[in-house]
N, C-alpha and C. Protein backbone atom coordinates (compact mmCIF):
# COMPACT_ATOMS: atom_id res chain seq x y z
N UNK A 1 0.84 -1.18 0.00
CA UNK A 1 0.00 0.00 0.00
C UNK A 1 0.89 1.25 0.00
N UNK A 2 0.58 2.21 -0.85
CA UNK A 2 1.41 3.41 -0.92
C UNK A 2 1.25 4.28 0.33
N UNK A 3 2.33 5.03 0.58
CA UNK A 3 2.34 5.92 1.76
C UNK A 3 1.40 7.09 1.52
N UNK A 4 0.59 7.41 2.51
CA UNK A 4 -0.36 8.51 2.39
C UNK A 4 0.22 9.74 3.08
N UNK A 5 0.32 10.83 2.34
CA UNK A 5 0.84 12.07 2.88
C UNK A 5 -0.19 13.16 2.63
N UNK A 6 -0.45 13.95 3.63
CA UNK A 6 -1.43 15.02 3.48
C UNK A 6 -0.75 16.24 2.85
N UNK A 7 -0.64 16.21 1.53
CA UNK A 7 0.06 17.26 0.79
C UNK A 7 -0.70 18.58 0.87
N UNK A 8 -2.02 18.50 0.93
CA UNK A 8 -2.82 19.72 0.95
C UNK A 8 -2.49 20.55 2.18
N UNK A 9 -2.45 19.90 3.34
CA UNK A 9 -2.16 20.62 4.58
C UNK A 9 -0.73 21.13 4.59
N UNK A 10 0.20 20.31 4.11
CA UNK A 10 1.61 20.71 4.09
C UNK A 10 1.82 21.91 3.17
N UNK A 11 1.17 21.89 2.00
CA UNK A 11 1.31 23.00 1.07
C UNK A 11 0.71 24.27 1.66
N UNK A 12 -0.43 24.11 2.32
CA UNK A 12 -1.07 25.27 2.95
C UNK A 12 -0.16 25.89 4.01
N UNK A 13 0.48 25.02 4.79
CA UNK A 13 1.38 25.49 5.84
C UNK A 13 2.57 26.24 5.23
N UNK A 14 3.14 25.68 4.16
CA UNK A 14 4.29 26.32 3.50
C UNK A 14 3.88 27.63 2.85
N UNK A 15 2.71 27.63 2.20
CA UNK A 15 2.25 28.86 1.53
C UNK A 15 2.04 29.98 2.54
N UNK A 16 1.50 29.62 3.69
CA UNK A 16 1.25 30.61 4.74
C UNK A 16 2.57 31.22 5.20
N UNK A 17 3.58 30.37 5.38
CA UNK A 17 4.90 30.85 5.81
C UNK A 17 5.56 31.69 4.72
N UNK A 18 5.46 31.24 3.46
CA UNK A 18 6.09 31.97 2.36
C UNK A 18 5.44 33.35 2.19
N UNK A 19 4.14 33.42 2.49
CA UNK A 19 3.46 34.71 2.41
C UNK A 19 4.04 35.66 3.45
N UNK A 20 4.42 35.12 4.61
CA UNK A 20 5.02 35.95 5.65
C UNK A 20 6.42 36.44 5.24
N UNK A 21 7.07 35.72 4.32
CA UNK A 21 8.43 36.06 3.91
C UNK A 21 8.46 37.10 2.79
N UNK A 22 7.30 37.54 2.34
CA UNK A 22 7.28 38.56 1.27
C UNK A 22 7.97 39.82 1.77
N UNK A 23 8.78 40.41 0.90
CA UNK A 23 9.50 41.61 1.28
C UNK A 23 10.91 41.34 1.77
N UNK A 24 11.22 40.08 2.04
CA UNK A 24 12.59 39.75 2.43
C UNK A 24 13.48 39.81 1.20
N UNK A 25 14.80 39.92 1.41
CA UNK A 25 15.74 40.08 0.32
C UNK A 25 16.41 38.75 -0.02
N UNK A 26 16.62 38.53 -1.30
CA UNK A 26 17.37 37.36 -1.76
C UNK A 26 16.63 36.06 -1.55
N UNK A 27 17.38 35.00 -1.16
CA UNK A 27 16.78 33.68 -1.01
C UNK A 27 15.83 33.59 0.16
N UNK A 28 15.87 34.59 1.05
CA UNK A 28 15.00 34.56 2.22
C UNK A 28 13.53 34.64 1.82
N UNK A 29 13.26 35.15 0.61
CA UNK A 29 11.86 35.31 0.22
C UNK A 29 11.32 34.15 -0.60
N UNK A 30 12.19 33.30 -1.19
CA UNK A 30 11.64 32.29 -2.08
C UNK A 30 12.20 30.88 -1.92
N UNK A 31 13.17 30.67 -1.03
CA UNK A 31 13.68 29.33 -0.77
C UNK A 31 13.15 28.88 0.58
N UNK A 32 12.43 27.75 0.58
CA UNK A 32 11.68 27.34 1.76
C UNK A 32 12.51 27.28 3.03
N UNK A 33 13.64 26.58 3.02
CA UNK A 33 14.40 26.39 4.26
C UNK A 33 14.97 27.72 4.77
N UNK A 34 15.45 28.55 3.86
CA UNK A 34 16.02 29.84 4.26
C UNK A 34 14.91 30.75 4.77
N UNK A 35 13.79 30.76 4.05
CA UNK A 35 12.66 31.61 4.44
C UNK A 35 12.11 31.19 5.79
N UNK A 36 11.99 29.88 6.01
CA UNK A 36 11.45 29.38 7.27
C UNK A 36 12.30 29.85 8.45
N UNK A 37 13.62 29.75 8.30
CA UNK A 37 14.52 30.19 9.37
C UNK A 37 14.40 31.70 9.61
N UNK A 38 14.29 32.46 8.51
CA UNK A 38 14.19 33.91 8.63
C UNK A 38 12.88 34.32 9.31
N UNK A 39 11.80 33.63 8.97
CA UNK A 39 10.50 33.95 9.56
C UNK A 39 10.50 33.62 11.05
N UNK A 40 11.03 32.45 11.40
CA UNK A 40 11.06 32.05 12.81
C UNK A 40 11.87 33.05 13.63
N UNK A 41 13.01 33.47 13.07
CA UNK A 41 13.85 34.46 13.76
C UNK A 41 13.11 35.78 13.90
N UNK A 42 12.41 36.18 12.84
CA UNK A 42 11.65 37.42 12.88
C UNK A 42 10.54 37.39 13.91
N UNK A 43 9.87 36.24 14.04
CA UNK A 43 8.80 36.11 15.02
C UNK A 43 9.34 36.15 16.44
N UNK A 44 10.53 35.60 16.64
CA UNK A 44 11.18 35.67 17.96
C UNK A 44 11.48 37.13 18.30
N UNK A 45 12.04 37.88 17.34
CA UNK A 45 12.33 39.29 17.56
C UNK A 45 11.04 40.06 17.85
N UNK A 46 9.97 39.75 17.11
CA UNK A 46 8.70 40.46 17.29
C UNK A 46 8.17 40.24 18.70
N UNK A 47 8.24 39.01 19.19
CA UNK A 47 7.75 38.70 20.54
C UNK A 47 8.58 39.44 21.58
N UNK A 48 9.91 39.36 21.42
CA UNK A 48 10.82 40.01 22.37
C UNK A 48 10.60 41.52 22.39
N UNK A 49 10.46 42.11 21.21
CA UNK A 49 10.42 43.56 21.13
C UNK A 49 9.05 44.14 21.47
N UNK A 50 8.01 43.32 21.49
CA UNK A 50 6.74 43.81 22.01
C UNK A 50 6.87 44.11 23.49
N UNK A 51 7.70 43.33 24.19
CA UNK A 51 7.95 43.57 25.60
C UNK A 51 8.91 44.77 25.77
N UNK A 52 9.94 44.83 24.93
CA UNK A 52 10.94 45.89 25.03
C UNK A 52 10.33 47.26 24.72
N UNK A 53 9.35 47.27 23.82
CA UNK A 53 8.69 48.52 23.44
C UNK A 53 8.07 49.20 24.65
N UNK A 54 7.46 48.41 25.52
CA UNK A 54 6.84 48.96 26.73
C UNK A 54 7.89 49.59 27.63
N UNK A 55 9.04 48.91 27.77
CA UNK A 55 10.13 49.47 28.58
C UNK A 55 10.66 50.76 27.98
N UNK A 56 10.84 50.76 26.65
CA UNK A 56 11.40 51.93 25.97
C UNK A 56 10.48 53.15 26.13
N UNK A 57 9.18 52.94 25.97
CA UNK A 57 8.26 54.06 26.08
C UNK A 57 8.19 54.59 27.50
N UNK A 58 8.21 53.68 28.48
CA UNK A 58 8.19 54.14 29.88
C UNK A 58 9.42 55.00 30.17
N UNK A 59 10.58 54.57 29.69
CA UNK A 59 11.82 55.34 29.88
C UNK A 59 11.71 56.71 29.21
N UNK A 60 11.12 56.76 28.02
CA UNK A 60 10.96 58.03 27.30
C UNK A 60 10.03 58.97 28.07
N UNK A 61 8.93 58.41 28.57
CA UNK A 61 7.98 59.24 29.33
C UNK A 61 8.64 59.81 30.58
N UNK A 62 9.43 59.00 31.25
CA UNK A 62 10.10 59.46 32.47
C UNK A 62 11.07 60.59 32.15
N UNK A 63 11.80 60.48 31.05
CA UNK A 63 12.73 61.54 30.65
C UNK A 63 11.99 62.84 30.35
N UNK A 64 10.86 62.73 29.68
CA UNK A 64 10.08 63.92 29.33
C UNK A 64 9.49 64.58 30.57
N UNK A 65 8.99 63.78 31.50
CA UNK A 65 8.44 64.33 32.74
C UNK A 65 9.56 65.00 33.55
N UNK A 66 10.71 64.36 33.60
CA UNK A 66 11.85 64.91 34.34
C UNK A 66 12.27 66.26 33.75
N UNK A 67 12.32 66.34 32.43
CA UNK A 67 12.70 67.60 31.78
C UNK A 67 11.68 68.69 32.10
N UNK A 68 10.40 68.34 32.04
CA UNK A 68 9.35 69.31 32.35
C UNK A 68 9.38 69.73 33.81
N UNK A 69 9.62 68.78 34.69
CA UNK A 69 9.64 69.09 36.13
C UNK A 69 10.82 69.99 36.48
N UNK A 70 11.96 69.74 35.87
CA UNK A 70 13.16 70.54 36.18
C UNK A 70 13.01 71.99 35.72
N UNK A 71 12.18 72.24 34.71
CA UNK A 71 11.90 73.62 34.29
C UNK A 71 11.20 74.39 35.40
N UNK A 72 10.51 73.65 36.28
CA UNK A 72 9.77 74.27 37.37
C UNK A 72 10.44 74.04 38.73
N UNK A 73 11.69 73.62 38.72
CA UNK A 73 12.47 73.51 39.94
C UNK A 73 12.24 72.25 40.76
N UNK A 74 11.74 71.21 40.13
CA UNK A 74 11.54 69.93 40.81
C UNK A 74 12.27 68.84 40.05
N UNK A 75 12.63 67.79 40.76
CA UNK A 75 13.17 66.61 40.07
C UNK A 75 12.00 65.67 39.76
N UNK A 76 12.26 64.67 38.95
CA UNK A 76 11.22 63.69 38.60
C UNK A 76 10.69 62.99 39.84
N UNK A 77 11.61 62.52 40.69
CA UNK A 77 11.18 61.75 41.86
C UNK A 77 10.40 62.62 42.83
N UNK A 78 10.81 63.86 43.00
CA UNK A 78 10.09 64.77 43.89
C UNK A 78 8.69 65.05 43.36
N UNK A 79 8.59 65.24 42.05
CA UNK A 79 7.28 65.48 41.43
C UNK A 79 6.36 64.28 41.60
N UNK A 80 6.87 63.09 41.32
CA UNK A 80 6.04 61.89 41.41
C UNK A 80 5.62 61.63 42.86
N UNK A 81 6.52 61.89 43.81
CA UNK A 81 6.16 61.74 45.22
C UNK A 81 5.09 62.72 45.64
N UNK A 82 5.21 63.97 45.17
CA UNK A 82 4.23 65.00 45.50
C UNK A 82 2.87 64.68 44.87
N UNK A 83 2.89 64.16 43.64
CA UNK A 83 1.63 63.77 42.98
C UNK A 83 0.94 62.66 43.75
N UNK A 84 1.72 61.69 44.20
CA UNK A 84 1.16 60.57 44.96
C UNK A 84 0.56 61.08 46.27
N UNK A 85 1.28 62.01 46.94
CA UNK A 85 0.82 62.55 48.22
C UNK A 85 -0.46 63.38 48.05
N UNK A 86 -0.56 64.07 46.89
CA UNK A 86 -1.73 64.92 46.63
C UNK A 86 -2.89 64.12 46.02
N UNK A 87 -2.72 62.81 45.89
CA UNK A 87 -3.76 61.93 45.30
C UNK A 87 -4.15 62.34 43.88
N UNK A 88 -3.17 62.75 43.11
CA UNK A 88 -3.40 63.05 41.70
C UNK A 88 -2.95 61.83 40.90
N UNK A 89 -3.91 61.12 40.35
CA UNK A 89 -3.63 59.86 39.65
C UNK A 89 -3.54 60.09 38.14
N UNK A 90 -2.39 60.56 37.70
CA UNK A 90 -2.11 60.68 36.27
C UNK A 90 -0.96 59.75 35.95
N UNK A 91 -1.13 58.95 34.91
CA UNK A 91 -0.05 58.03 34.58
C UNK A 91 1.06 58.76 33.83
N UNK A 92 2.18 58.08 33.67
CA UNK A 92 3.36 58.71 33.08
C UNK A 92 3.13 59.10 31.62
N UNK A 93 2.33 58.34 30.91
CA UNK A 93 2.06 58.64 29.50
C UNK A 93 1.35 60.00 29.40
N UNK A 94 0.35 60.22 30.23
CA UNK A 94 -0.40 61.47 30.19
C UNK A 94 0.47 62.63 30.67
N UNK A 95 1.22 62.41 31.74
CA UNK A 95 2.10 63.47 32.24
C UNK A 95 3.14 63.88 31.21
N UNK A 96 3.70 62.90 30.52
CA UNK A 96 4.71 63.19 29.49
C UNK A 96 4.09 63.98 28.35
N UNK A 97 2.86 63.62 27.97
CA UNK A 97 2.18 64.34 26.90
C UNK A 97 1.90 65.78 27.31
N UNK A 98 1.47 65.96 28.56
CA UNK A 98 1.22 67.32 29.05
C UNK A 98 2.52 68.13 29.09
N UNK A 99 3.60 67.52 29.57
CA UNK A 99 4.88 68.23 29.67
C UNK A 99 5.39 68.66 28.30
N UNK A 100 5.13 67.85 27.30
CA UNK A 100 5.67 68.13 25.98
C UNK A 100 4.75 69.03 25.14
N UNK A 101 3.45 68.72 25.13
CA UNK A 101 2.53 69.40 24.21
C UNK A 101 1.67 70.48 24.87
N UNK A 102 1.51 70.42 26.19
CA UNK A 102 0.67 71.40 26.89
C UNK A 102 1.40 71.88 28.15
N UNK A 103 2.45 72.68 27.97
CA UNK A 103 3.27 73.08 29.11
C UNK A 103 2.50 73.89 30.16
N UNK A 104 1.48 74.66 29.73
CA UNK A 104 0.73 75.45 30.71
C UNK A 104 -0.10 74.54 31.62
N UNK A 105 -0.66 73.47 31.09
CA UNK A 105 -1.41 72.51 31.91
C UNK A 105 -0.46 71.77 32.85
N UNK A 106 0.72 71.40 32.34
CA UNK A 106 1.72 70.74 33.18
C UNK A 106 2.16 71.66 34.32
N UNK A 107 2.33 72.96 33.98
CA UNK A 107 2.75 73.93 34.99
C UNK A 107 1.71 74.03 36.10
N UNK A 108 0.43 74.02 35.73
CA UNK A 108 -0.63 74.13 36.74
C UNK A 108 -0.64 72.91 37.67
N UNK A 109 -0.33 71.73 37.11
CA UNK A 109 -0.24 70.51 37.93
C UNK A 109 0.93 70.62 38.90
N UNK A 110 2.06 71.11 38.41
CA UNK A 110 3.24 71.26 39.26
C UNK A 110 2.98 72.27 40.37
N UNK A 111 2.32 73.38 40.02
CA UNK A 111 2.01 74.40 41.03
C UNK A 111 1.06 73.86 42.09
N UNK A 112 0.15 72.98 41.68
CA UNK A 112 -0.82 72.41 42.62
C UNK A 112 -0.14 71.52 43.66
N UNK A 113 0.93 70.83 43.25
CA UNK A 113 1.57 69.90 44.18
C UNK A 113 2.76 70.51 44.93
N UNK A 114 3.18 71.69 44.55
CA UNK A 114 4.34 72.33 45.22
C UNK A 114 3.98 72.74 46.63
């Protein structure tokens, strides 16, 4: 009896992966083994960097808040401590946006907690 192989499913799986390799350069886009390795590596980077993105943005927000706070004679840690003590619940994303795009609103928040 001949060996039965589910070619339909295998082809579908390969086609799906090759579609993900579109836009790659050279053999990475059209040679199965090379493309498969490139896609797997890319997916690993994507997973890792979704986590790193959160860290990077938090660091950016902290730098922006610190710069805004220092214009008004406070450090970042002093500002955040004063906000916590005054029960002002604004997250770092919002505070950074205020410090950068709405300095007068940020100034009023700083004056409230001073």
